[in-house]
Amino acid sequence: MMLTVNLPANIQQLNVLNKMLADILTGNLEKYLINTQLITEELLTNICSYAYDSKAGNVKFSCGVATFDGKNVIRISFEDSGVPFDPFSQQRPDTTKDALDDRVEGGLGITLIKKIASHYVYSRKNDKNYTDIFIDPKG
């Protein structure tokens, strides 16, 4: 089951998205709630910060349990009409084990997404950005 909502692209909408995740990730999936909320916050922040060049815009968010490669997975999807931006194309060193003072600013959120997700993909179609994150609860 996937829940979908269209909202203004602003960080104040994070509470709405976190509520959706809490409604979906119940029972044995509840232990994935914190990680999905981290991913959601990171991707929403990127859209709010960069997609619309300080202009108003919208974001379509979907979350739920879906089938991917024959497995039931948690799926988080974002769609926006902002400028093209592939969050996964930036090659940044993994600084998660470095001392806080030695870390380069930026990119840590995407590094965390790559560590948490079993699969992630970005595409650009019909002047829209599509970002999909899949988390395999079975590891």
C-alpha atoms as a PDB file:
ATOM      1  CA  MET A   1       0.000   0.000   0.000  1.00  0.00           C
ATOM      2  CA  MET A   2       1.406   3.404  -0.989  1.00  0.00           C
ATOM      3  CA  LEU A   3       0.219   6.719   0.458  1.00  0.00           C
ATOM      4  CA  THR A   4       0.759   9.829  -1.674  1.00  0.00           C
ATOM      5  CA  VAL A   5       0.463  13.517  -0.911  1.00  0.00           C
ATOM      6  CA  ASN A   6       1.157  16.730  -2.856  1.00  0.00           C
ATOM      7  CA  LEU A   7       2.478  19.566  -0.705  1.00  0.00           C
ATOM      8  CA  PRO A   8       4.262  22.892  -0.956  1.00  0.00           C
ATOM      9  CA  ALA A   9       8.013  22.321  -1.048  1.00  0.00           C
ATOM     10  CA  ASN A  10       8.904  23.744   2.347  1.00  0.00           C
ATOM     11  CA  ILE A  11      10.527  22.170   5.353  1.00  0.00           C
ATOM     12  CA  GLN A  12       7.447  22.807   7.518  1.00  0.00           C
ATOM     13  CA  GLN A  13       5.813  19.900   5.659  1.00  0.00           C
ATOM     14  CA  LEU A  14       8.227  17.455   7.282  1.00  0.00           C
ATOM     15  CA  ASN A  15       5.728  16.844  10.108  1.00  0.00           C
ATOM     16  CA  VAL A  16       3.108  15.725   7.559  1.00  0.00           C
ATOM     17  CA  LEU A  17       5.574  13.339   5.898  1.00  0.00           C
ATOM     18  CA  ASN A  18       6.775  11.929   9.222  1.00  0.00           C
ATOM     19  CA  LYS A  19       3.152  11.268  10.224  1.00  0.00           C
ATOM     20  CA  MET A  20       2.595   9.381   6.970  1.00  0.00           C
ATOM     21  CA  LEU A  21       5.663   7.260   7.633  1.00  0.00           C
ATOM     22  CA  ALA A  22       4.504   6.532  11.201  1.00  0.00           C
ATOM     23  CA  ASP A  23       1.087   5.457   9.867  1.00  0.00           C
ATOM     24  CA  ILE A  24       2.668   3.036   7.371  1.00  0.00           C
ATOM     25  CA  LEU A  25       5.615   1.672   9.352  1.00  0.00           C
ATOM     26  CA  THR A  26       3.854  -0.162  12.133  1.00  0.00           C
ATOM     27  CA  GLY A  27       4.339  -3.565  13.688  1.00  0.00           C
ATOM     28  CA  ASN A  28       7.568  -5.248  12.602  1.00  0.00           C
ATOM     29  CA  LEU A  29       8.360  -2.289  10.273  1.00  0.00           C
ATOM     30  CA  GLU A  30       8.344   0.264  13.114  1.00  0.00           C
ATOM     31  CA  LYS A  31      12.062  -0.270  13.724  1.00  0.00           C
ATOM     32  CA  TYR A  32      12.735   1.332  10.300  1.00  0.00           C
ATOM     33  CA  LEU A  33      10.842   4.526  11.147  1.00  0.00           C
ATOM     34  CA  ILE A  34      13.833   6.585  12.336  1.00  0.00           C
ATOM     35  CA  ASN A  35      15.898   5.742   9.241  1.00  0.00           C
ATOM     36  CA  THR A  36      13.040   6.497   6.858  1.00  0.00           C
ATOM     37  CA  GLN A  37      12.447   9.798   8.645  1.00  0.00           C
ATOM     38  CA  LEU A  38      16.149  10.671   8.270  1.00  0.00           C
ATOM     39  CA  ILE A  39      16.024   9.902   4.554  1.00  0.00           C
ATOM     40  CA  THR A  40      12.818  11.873   4.135  1.00  0.00           C
ATOM     41  CA  GLU A  41      14.223  14.900   5.949  1.00  0.00           C
ATOM     42  CA  GLU A  42      17.406  14.865   3.863  1.00  0.00           C
ATOM     43  CA  LEU A  43      15.622  14.622   0.519  1.00  0.00           C
ATOM     44  CA  LEU A  44      12.938  17.166   1.420  1.00  0.00           C
ATOM     45  CA  THR A  45      15.636  19.582   2.619  1.00  0.00           C
ATOM     46  CA  ASN A  46      17.477  19.204  -0.700  1.00  0.00           C
ATOM     47  CA  ILE A  47      14.303  19.897  -2.670  1.00  0.00           C
ATOM     48  CA  CYS A  48      13.394  22.895  -0.508  1.00  0.00           C
ATOM     49  CA  SER A  49      16.930  24.290  -0.711  1.00  0.00           C
ATOM     50  CA  TYR A  50      17.815  23.737  -4.356  1.00  0.00           C
ATOM     51  CA  ALA A  51      14.936  22.685  -6.601  1.00  0.00           C
ATOM     52  CA  TYR A  52      13.051  25.921  -6.977  1.00  0.00           C
ATOM     53  CA  ASP A  53      15.747  28.612  -6.748  1.00  0.00           C
ATOM     54  CA  SER A  54      14.039  30.366  -3.806  1.00  0.00           C
ATOM     55  CA  LYS A  55      10.670  30.331  -5.611  1.00  0.00           C
ATOM     56  CA  ALA A  56       7.539  28.510  -4.485  1.00  0.00           C
ATOM     57  CA  GLY A  57       7.146  24.952  -5.715  1.00  0.00           C
ATOM     58  CA  ASN A  58       5.523  21.652  -4.863  1.00  0.00           C
ATOM     59  CA  VAL A  59       6.656  18.180  -3.992  1.00  0.00           C
ATOM     60  CA  LYS A  60       4.822  14.885  -4.400  1.00  0.00           C
ATOM     61  CA  PHE A  61       5.731  12.363  -1.707  1.00  0.00           C
ATOM     62  CA  SER A  62       4.812   8.690  -1.628  1.00  0.00           C
ATOM     63  CA  CYS A  63       5.653   6.067   0.952  1.00  0.00           C
ATOM     64  CA  GLY A  64       4.650   2.525   1.619  1.00  0.00           C
ATOM     65  CA  VAL A  65       5.473  -1.107   1.168  1.00  0.00           C
ATOM     66  CA  ALA A  66       6.058  -2.134  -2.428  1.00  0.00           C
ATOM     67  CA  THR A  67       7.533  -5.046  -4.369  1.00  0.00           C
ATOM     68  CA  PHE A  68      10.998  -4.488  -5.846  1.00  0.00           C
ATOM     69  CA  ASP A  69      13.065  -7.272  -7.399  1.00  0.00           C
ATOM     70  CA  GLY A  70      10.518  -9.763  -6.059  1.00  0.00           C
ATOM     71  CA  LYS A  71      10.894  -8.573  -2.453  1.00  0.00           C
ATOM     72  CA  ASN A  72       8.641  -6.541  -0.195  1.00  0.00           C
ATOM     73  CA  VAL A  73      10.499  -3.313   0.539  1.00  0.00           C
ATOM     74  CA  ILE A  74       9.838   0.068   2.089  1.00  0.00           C
ATOM     75  CA  ARG A  75       9.642   2.632  -0.698  1.00  0.00           C
ATOM     76  CA  ILE A  76      10.012   6.398  -0.352  1.00  0.00           C
ATOM     77  CA  SER A  77       9.469   8.506  -3.479  1.00  0.00           C
ATOM     78  CA  PHE A  78       9.797  12.199  -4.218  1.00  0.00           C
ATOM     79  CA  GLU A  79       8.727  14.042  -7.357  1.00  0.00           C
ATOM     80  CA  ASP A  80       9.328  17.724  -8.024  1.00  0.00           C
ATOM     81  CA  SER A  81       9.335  20.117 -10.978  1.00  0.00           C
ATOM     82  CA  GLY A  82      12.470  21.964  -9.911  1.00  0.00           C
ATOM     83  CA  VAL A  83      15.804  22.277 -11.653  1.00  0.00           C
ATOM     84  CA  PRO A  84      17.464  18.971 -12.578  1.00  0.00           C
ATOM     85  CA  PHE A  85      19.402  17.580  -9.624  1.00  0.00           C
ATOM     86  CA  ASP A  86      20.654  14.043  -9.087  1.00  0.00           C
ATOM     87  CA  PRO A  87      21.577  13.820  -5.398  1.00  0.00           C
ATOM     88  CA  PHE A  88      23.459  10.565  -5.976  1.00  0.00           C
ATOM     89  CA  SER A  89      25.774  11.773  -8.752  1.00  0.00           C
ATOM     90  CA  GLN A  90      28.020  13.776  -6.444  1.00  0.00           C
ATOM     91  CA  GLN A  91      31.115  11.769  -5.573  1.00  0.00           C
ATOM     92  CA  ARG A  92      32.006  12.572  -1.989  1.00  0.00           C
ATOM     93  CA  PRO A  93      34.361  10.677   0.274  1.00  0.00           C
ATOM     94  CA  ASP A  94      32.782   8.783   3.156  1.00  0.00           C
ATOM     95  CA  THR A  95      33.724  10.892   6.174  1.00  0.00           C
ATOM     96  CA  THR A  96      31.381   9.200   8.638  1.00  0.00           C
ATOM     97  CA  LYS A  97      34.346   7.743  10.575  1.00  0.00           C
ATOM     98  CA  ASP A  98      36.342  10.985  10.609  1.00  0.00           C
ATOM     99  CA  ALA A  99      36.446  13.297  13.600  1.00  0.00           C
ATOM    100  CA  LEU A 100      33.728  15.960  13.447  1.00  0.00           C
ATOM    101  CA  ASP A 101      36.279  18.751  12.949  1.00  0.00           C
ATOM    102  CA  ASP A 102      37.841  16.906   9.976  1.00  0.00           C
ATOM    103  CA  ARG A 103      34.611  16.386   8.020  1.00  0.00           C
ATOM    104  CA  VAL A 104      33.915  18.326   4.840  1.00  0.00           C
ATOM    105  CA  GLU A 105      30.621  20.239   4.966  1.00  0.00           C
ATOM    106  CA  GLY A 106      27.799  18.814   2.845  1.00  0.00           C
ATOM    107  CA  GLY A 107      27.064  15.382   1.472  1.00  0.00           C
ATOM    108  CA  LEU A 108      26.734  13.542   4.776  1.00  0.00           C
ATOM    109  CA  GLY A 109      22.966  13.089   4.361  1.00  0.00           C
ATOM    110  CA  ILE A 110      23.367  11.453   0.950  1.00  0.00           C
ATOM    111  CA  THR A 111      26.137   9.231   2.353  1.00  0.00           C
ATOM    112  CA  LEU A 112      23.737   8.099   5.105  1.00  0.00           C
ATOM    113  CA  ILE A 113      20.992   7.403   2.544  1.00  0.00           C
ATOM    114  CA  LYS A 114      23.407   5.252   0.536  1.00  0.00           C
ATOM    115  CA  LYS A 115      24.286   3.282   3.690  1.00  0.00           C
ATOM    116  CA  ILE A 116      20.650   2.793   4.791  1.00  0.00           C
ATOM    117  CA  ALA A 117      19.002   2.093   1.435  1.00  0.00           C
ATOM    118  CA  SER A 118      19.199  -1.221  -0.354  1.00  0.00           C
ATOM    119  CA  HIS A 119      18.625   0.647  -3.633  1.00  0.00           C
ATOM    120  CA  TYR A 120      18.241   4.268  -4.685  1.00  0.00           C
ATOM    121  CA  VAL A 121      17.594   5.834  -8.062  1.00  0.00           C
ATOM    122  CA  TYR A 122      17.156   9.281  -9.578  1.00  0.00           C
ATOM    123  CA  SER A 123      15.635  10.040 -12.963  1.00  0.00           C
ATOM    124  CA  ARG A 124      14.519  13.106 -14.883  1.00  0.00           C
ATOM    125  CA  LYS A 125      11.436  12.810 -17.115  1.00  0.00           C
ATOM    126  CA  ASN A 126       9.064  15.418 -18.544  1.00  0.00           C
ATOM    127  CA  ASP A 127      10.831  18.251 -16.678  1.00  0.00           C
ATOM    128  CA  LYS A 128      10.437  16.496 -13.320  1.00  0.00           C
ATOM    129  CA  ASN A 129      12.887  14.997 -10.840  1.00  0.00           C
ATOM    130  CA  TYR A 130      12.068  11.531  -9.508  1.00  0.00           C
ATOM    131  CA  THR A 131      13.933  10.119  -6.526  1.00  0.00           C
ATOM    132  CA  ASP A 132      13.133   6.647  -5.206  1.00  0.00           C
ATOM    133  CA  ILE A 133      14.609   4.989  -2.149  1.00  0.00           C
ATOM    134  CA  PHE A 134      14.097   1.318  -1.329  1.00  0.00           C
ATOM    135  CA  ILE A 135      14.868  -0.238   2.050  1.00  0.00           C
ATOM    136  CA  ASP A 136      14.866  -4.022   2.294  1.00  0.00           C
ATOM    137  CA  PRO A 137      13.614  -4.927   5.802  1.00  0.00           C
ATOM    138  CA  LYS A 138      15.246  -8.325   5.465  1.00  0.00           C
ATOM    139  CA  GLY A 139      18.659  -6.699   4.983  1.00  0.00           C
END
